[in-house]
Amino acid sequence: MDLNILISTIITATAALVAIIGGFLVSRVITLAGEKQSIERRLKEIDNDLKIKTEMLENIENIILEEEINDFIIENCEDLITENKTPQELLRENDSFELTEEDLTPHVEKLLSIKEIILESIEKSGQFPDDFDDFVKNSGIKIDTNRTWYEAVYNTLLKIASRNSLNLLLMPPIHSTSNVIEHRDKRRERDRLKNEVQVLTARKIEQEKILNEYGKPTGLWSGLFVLIYSCIVGIAYPSLLLPYPEGTYNDEKTKWLLIILFFSALFAIFAYLVISMYKLTQRK
């Protein structure tokens, strides 16, 4: 029995089907790769935005913290250096500050050390002028970056020494309305940045979830298995029989074996297509 025509037909038909499945898989892989790269680019943009916004938020939080600490020290200078009140007591009396005792403790210690420096300088020079600049000039005291704290402590001590004169100029400096508005605007900017950081963080998490799903594509490995199986039973094995030697094998059994293998490959291919189409049309 001449099986060359049957074998050639099976090889040709299987090759055509394999080409269809192969094209489908290649198209799927290219699509997934393009989408994955797009998500990776989007994730990189989100990371960059998140990094910038986080740095801006940290900077403005540091600025707000420094300003609030400075405001707290200036406004409560007398209570801290003369009444010996603790930061915790003062925070309970005034809840407008977004501060904790841990934030204030080292700065209060710095304020008390400034008080000791000024008292020591007054004791050495024996002078207590009404103007802080005159005191600095006459005493030769070295002032670091906290000049306003030195001035607030000096004015507080001077006010206590001359309390009966009721000289309002000796009161610690009061913050202007513009400074209050500016501080309020910074708080609003901080809150806005916090919201943006939260949104970007949520977007990043969602994009990472989507990106992880691309590492587990459905249907690709099963399609590759169908492709390999079809190539083996429909192309590779029949090709080994060409040219078919008549009378060498049991021709009838060989014929039915080739037909069964071909139909099994055909069934695998259409089953894969049906399952893929079913999954594609189902909404999760």
Protein backbone atom coordinates (compact mmCIF):
# COMPACT_ATOMS: atom_id res chain seq x y z
CA MET A 1 0.00 0.00 0.00
CA ASP A 2 1.41 3.39 -1.05
CA LEU A 3 1.09 5.75 1.94
CA ASN A 4 3.28 8.55 0.55
CA ILE A 5 0.29 10.65 -0.54
CA LEU A 6 -1.43 10.23 2.86
CA ILE A 7 1.75 11.09 4.74
CA SER A 8 2.39 14.16 2.59
CA THR A 9 -1.21 15.32 3.08
CA ILE A 10 -0.98 14.90 6.86
CA ILE A 11 2.31 16.80 6.98
CA THR A 12 0.94 19.63 4.84
CA ALA A 13 -2.32 19.93 6.81
CA THR A 14 -0.55 19.78 10.16
CA ALA A 15 2.00 22.37 9.04
CA ALA A 16 -0.82 24.73 8.07
CA LEU A 17 -2.53 24.29 11.46
CA VAL A 18 0.78 24.68 13.30
CA ALA A 19 1.41 27.88 11.37
CA ILE A 20 -1.98 29.22 12.52
CA ILE A 21 -1.36 28.33 16.16
CA GLY A 22 2.23 29.55 15.95
CA GLY A 23 1.11 32.87 14.50
CA PHE A 24 -1.50 33.19 17.24
CA LEU A 25 1.08 32.52 19.96
CA VAL A 26 3.67 34.85 18.44
CA SER A 27 1.05 37.59 18.18
CA ARG A 28 0.05 36.99 21.79
CA VAL A 29 3.65 37.11 22.99
CA ILE A 30 4.35 40.34 21.07
CA THR A 31 1.18 41.93 22.45
CA LEU A 32 2.00 40.92 26.01
CA ALA A 33 5.58 42.12 25.65
CA GLY A 34 4.39 45.50 24.35
CA GLU A 35 1.85 45.88 27.15
CA LYS A 36 4.41 44.84 29.73
CA GLN A 37 6.90 47.42 28.48
CA SER A 38 4.16 50.05 28.56
CA ILE A 39 3.32 49.19 32.17
CA GLU A 40 7.01 49.19 33.11
CA ARG A 41 7.39 52.66 31.60
CA ARG A 42 4.29 53.85 33.43
CA LEU A 43 5.57 52.32 36.66
CA LYS A 44 8.91 54.06 36.17
CA GLU A 45 7.15 57.39 35.65
CA ILE A 46 5.11 56.80 38.82
CA ASP A 47 8.30 55.94 40.73
CA ASN A 48 9.95 59.15 39.54
CA ASP A 49 6.89 61.24 40.45
CA LEU A 50 6.61 59.49 43.80
CA LYS A 51 10.28 60.11 44.56
CA ILE A 52 10.00 63.81 43.69
CA LYS A 53 6.76 64.28 45.64
CA THR A 54 8.17 62.40 48.64
CA GLU A 55 11.27 64.60 48.68
CA MET A 56 9.10 67.72 48.40
CA LEU A 57 6.90 66.45 51.22
CA GLU A 58 9.89 65.72 53.46
CA ASN A 59 11.35 69.17 52.76
CA ILE A 60 8.15 71.04 53.52
CA GLU A 61 7.54 68.90 56.63
CA ASN A 62 11.03 69.81 57.88
CA ILE A 63 10.38 73.48 57.18
CA ILE A 64 7.01 73.37 58.97
CA LEU A 65 8.57 71.53 61.91
CA GLU A 66 11.36 74.10 62.23
CA GLU A 67 8.89 77.00 62.00
CA GLU A 68 6.54 75.48 64.57
CA ILE A 69 9.39 74.77 66.96
CA ASN A 70 10.63 78.35 66.55
CA ASP A 71 7.09 79.73 67.07
CA PHE A 72 6.60 77.56 70.14
CA ILE A 73 9.92 78.65 71.67
CA ILE A 74 9.27 82.34 70.99
CA GLU A 75 5.68 82.32 72.24
CA ASN A 76 6.43 80.30 75.37
CA CYS A 77 9.88 81.67 76.14
CA GLU A 78 8.90 83.21 79.48
CA ASP A 79 7.05 80.10 80.68
CA LEU A 80 10.00 77.91 79.73
CA ILE A 81 12.82 79.91 81.28
CA THR A 82 11.10 81.47 84.27
CA GLU A 83 8.08 79.34 85.13
CA ASN A 84 9.96 76.11 84.38
CA LYS A 85 6.96 74.66 82.59
CA THR A 86 7.53 71.51 80.59
CA PRO A 87 6.77 71.27 76.87
CA GLN A 88 4.06 68.72 77.64
CA GLU A 89 2.23 71.19 79.92
CA LEU A 90 2.43 73.96 77.35
CA LEU A 91 1.22 71.67 74.55
CA ARG A 92 -1.81 70.75 76.64
CA GLU A 93 -2.57 74.44 77.12
CA ASN A 94 -2.23 75.19 73.39
CA ASP A 95 -3.20 72.50 70.88
CA SER A 96 -2.53 74.61 67.79
CA PHE A 97 0.97 73.17 67.45
CA GLU A 98 1.51 69.88 65.63
CA LEU A 99 4.41 68.98 67.90
CA THR A 100 5.31 66.33 70.41
CA GLU A 101 7.36 66.47 73.59
CA GLU A 102 10.10 64.50 71.83
CA ASP A 103 10.28 67.18 69.12
CA LEU A 104 10.65 69.98 71.65
CA THR A 105 12.84 68.53 74.42
CA PRO A 106 16.27 69.09 72.76
CA HIS A 107 15.28 72.60 71.67
CA VAL A 108 14.04 73.54 75.14
CA GLU A 109 17.37 72.37 76.51
CA LYS A 110 19.06 74.62 73.95
CA LEU A 111 16.87 77.54 75.09
CA LEU A 112 17.82 76.98 78.72
CA SER A 113 21.51 76.87 77.79
CA ILE A 114 21.06 80.23 76.01
CA LYS A 115 19.56 81.63 79.20
CA GLU A 116 22.61 80.52 81.17
CA ILE A 117 24.96 82.04 78.58
CA ILE A 118 23.16 85.40 78.70
CA LEU A 119 22.99 85.49 82.51
CA GLU A 120 26.68 84.63 82.73
CA SER A 121 27.52 87.36 80.23
CA ILE A 122 25.43 89.93 82.14
CA GLU A 123 27.12 88.95 85.38
CA LYS A 124 30.58 89.31 83.86
CA SER A 125 29.97 92.64 82.11
CA GLY A 126 27.74 94.09 84.82
CA GLN A 127 25.64 95.72 82.11
CA PHE A 128 21.98 95.17 81.23
CA PRO A 129 21.22 97.59 78.37
CA ASP A 130 17.67 98.11 77.08
CA ASP A 131 18.62 97.20 73.51
CA PHE A 132 19.66 93.65 72.60
CA ASP A 133 22.07 94.85 69.89
CA ASP A 134 23.88 97.02 72.45
CA PHE A 135 24.13 94.00 74.73
CA VAL A 136 25.66 91.88 71.97
CA LYS A 137 28.11 94.64 71.07
CA ASN A 138 29.20 95.36 74.64
CA SER A 139 29.36 91.77 75.87
CA GLY A 140 31.05 90.33 72.78
CA ILE A 141 28.87 87.27 73.07
CA LYS A 142 29.04 84.87 70.14
CA ILE A 143 25.59 84.06 68.75
CA ASP A 144 24.94 81.03 66.57
CA THR A 145 22.10 80.66 64.08
CA ASN A 146 19.41 80.97 66.80
CA ARG A 147 19.68 84.75 67.10
CA THR A 148 15.91 85.16 67.56
CA TRP A 149 16.05 82.80 70.53
CA TYR A 150 18.87 84.83 72.11
CA GLU A 151 16.87 87.99 71.59
CA ALA A 152 13.67 86.44 72.97
CA VAL A 153 15.49 85.20 76.10
CA TYR A 154 17.19 88.56 76.60
CA ASN A 155 13.96 90.52 76.18
CA THR A 156 12.19 88.13 78.56
CA LEU A 157 14.86 88.61 81.23
CA LEU A 158 14.83 92.36 80.67
CA LYS A 159 11.05 92.45 80.92
CA ILE A 160 11.16 90.62 84.23
CA ALA A 161 13.85 92.97 85.53
CA SER A 162 11.82 96.04 84.61
CA ARG A 163 8.27 94.62 84.88
CA ASN A 164 6.98 97.68 86.68
CA SER A 165 7.80 99.91 83.71
CA LEU A 166 5.29 98.03 81.52
CA ASN A 167 7.43 98.69 78.48
CA LEU A 168 5.68 96.79 75.68
CA LEU A 169 8.77 96.96 73.50
CA LEU A 170 10.37 94.44 75.81
CA MET A 171 7.82 91.76 75.00
CA PRO A 172 8.99 88.83 72.87
CA PRO A 173 8.39 89.43 69.17
CA ILE A 174 4.91 88.62 67.95
CA HIS A 175 4.54 87.00 64.55
CA SER A 176 2.93 89.12 61.88
CA THR A 177 -0.26 88.16 60.05
CA SER A 178 1.72 87.53 56.86
CA ASN A 179 3.87 84.94 58.63
CA VAL A 180 0.77 83.20 59.98
CA ILE A 181 -0.78 83.10 56.50
CA GLU A 182 2.47 81.83 55.01
CA HIS A 183 2.68 79.08 57.61
CA ARG A 184 -0.95 78.13 56.93
CA ASP A 185 -0.22 77.95 53.20
CA LYS A 186 2.71 75.63 53.88
CA ARG A 187 0.44 73.35 55.87
CA ARG A 188 -2.00 73.24 52.97
CA GLU A 189 0.82 72.48 50.57
CA ARG A 190 2.00 69.70 52.88
CA ASP A 191 -1.50 68.20 53.02
CA ARG A 192 -1.76 68.39 49.22
CA LEU A 193 1.57 66.62 48.81
CA LYS A 194 0.50 63.95 51.29
CA ASN A 195 -2.60 63.26 49.24
CA GLU A 196 -0.58 63.09 46.02
CA VAL A 197 1.93 60.70 47.60
CA GLN A 198 -0.93 58.46 48.77
CA VAL A 199 -2.49 58.45 45.30
CA LEU A 200 0.84 57.70 43.60
CA THR A 201 1.55 54.93 46.10
CA ALA A 202 -1.83 53.34 45.38
CA ARG A 203 -1.25 53.63 41.63
CA LYS A 204 2.18 52.06 42.01
CA ILE A 205 0.74 49.10 43.92
CA GLU A 206 -1.92 48.54 41.25
CA GLN A 207 0.60 48.76 38.42
CA GLU A 208 2.87 46.28 40.20
CA LYS A 209 -0.06 43.87 40.55
CA ILE A 210 -0.80 44.16 36.83
CA LEU A 211 2.88 43.71 36.01
CA ASN A 212 3.03 40.55 38.12
CA GLU A 213 0.09 39.14 36.18
CA TYR A 214 2.12 39.41 32.97
CA GLY A 215 4.61 37.01 34.53
CA LYS A 216 1.83 34.38 34.61
CA PRO A 217 0.16 34.61 31.17
CA THR A 218 -2.70 32.15 30.69
CA GLY A 219 -2.77 29.97 27.59
CA LEU A 220 0.78 30.49 26.37
CA TRP A 221 2.37 27.39 27.83
CA SER A 222 -0.59 25.17 26.93
CA GLY A 223 -0.50 26.60 23.39
CA LEU A 224 3.21 25.87 23.16
CA PHE A 225 2.58 22.30 24.35
CA VAL A 226 -0.13 21.84 21.67
CA LEU A 227 2.26 23.27 19.08
CA ILE A 228 5.07 20.89 20.05
CA TYR A 229 2.73 17.89 20.18
CA SER A 230 1.30 18.66 16.75
CA CYS A 231 4.77 19.07 15.25
CA ILE A 232 5.87 15.71 16.65
CA VAL A 233 2.84 13.59 15.68
CA GLY A 234 1.85 15.43 12.50
CA ILE A 235 5.15 16.51 10.99
CA ALA A 236 8.23 14.94 12.60
CA TYR A 237 7.03 11.32 12.86
CA PRO A 238 5.37 11.17 9.39
CA SER A 239 8.46 12.79 7.84
CA LEU A 240 10.59 9.90 9.15
CA LEU A 241 8.46 7.50 7.11
CA LEU A 242 9.16 9.27 3.80
CA PRO A 243 9.67 7.81 1.34
CA TYR A 244 7.38 5.08 2.70
CA PRO A 245 8.86 1.58 2.19
CA GLU A 246 6.04 -0.68 1.05
CA GLY A 247 5.92 -4.09 2.67
CA THR A 248 8.39 -3.21 5.42
CA TYR A 249 5.77 -2.31 8.06
CA ASN A 250 2.19 -3.32 8.57
CA ASP A 251 0.68 -0.86 6.12
CA GLU A 252 -2.85 -1.04 7.51
CA LYS A 253 -1.75 -0.37 11.10
CA THR A 254 0.62 2.38 9.99
CA LYS A 255 -2.19 4.06 8.07
CA TRP A 256 -4.55 4.08 11.04
CA LEU A 257 -1.79 5.15 13.40
CA LEU A 258 -1.01 8.16 11.21
CA ILE A 259 -4.71 9.05 10.94
CA ILE A 260 -5.25 8.73 14.74
CA LEU A 261 -2.19 10.86 15.48
CA PHE A 262 -3.34 13.49 12.98
CA PHE A 263 -6.84 13.64 14.46
CA SER A 264 -5.40 13.80 17.97
CA ALA A 265 -3.30 16.81 16.94
CA LEU A 266 -6.37 18.29 15.27
CA PHE A 267 -8.42 17.74 18.42
CA ALA A 268 -5.70 19.31 20.61
CA ILE A 269 -5.51 22.38 18.37
CA PHE A 270 -9.26 23.00 18.26
CA ALA A 271 -9.64 22.27 21.97
CA TYR A 272 -6.98 24.90 22.68
CA LEU A 273 -8.74 27.41 20.42
CA VAL A 274 -12.14 26.75 22.02
CA ILE A 275 -10.77 27.08 25.57
CA SER A 276 -8.87 30.26 24.64
CA MET A 277 -11.97 31.82 23.05
CA TYR A 278 -14.08 30.84 26.05
CA LYS A 279 -11.65 32.45 28.49
CA LEU A 280 -11.40 35.51 26.27
CA THR A 281 -15.17 36.07 26.22
CA GLN A 282 -15.63 35.53 29.96
CA ARG A 283 -15.52 38.57 32.22
CA LYS A 284 -13.82 38.17 35.57
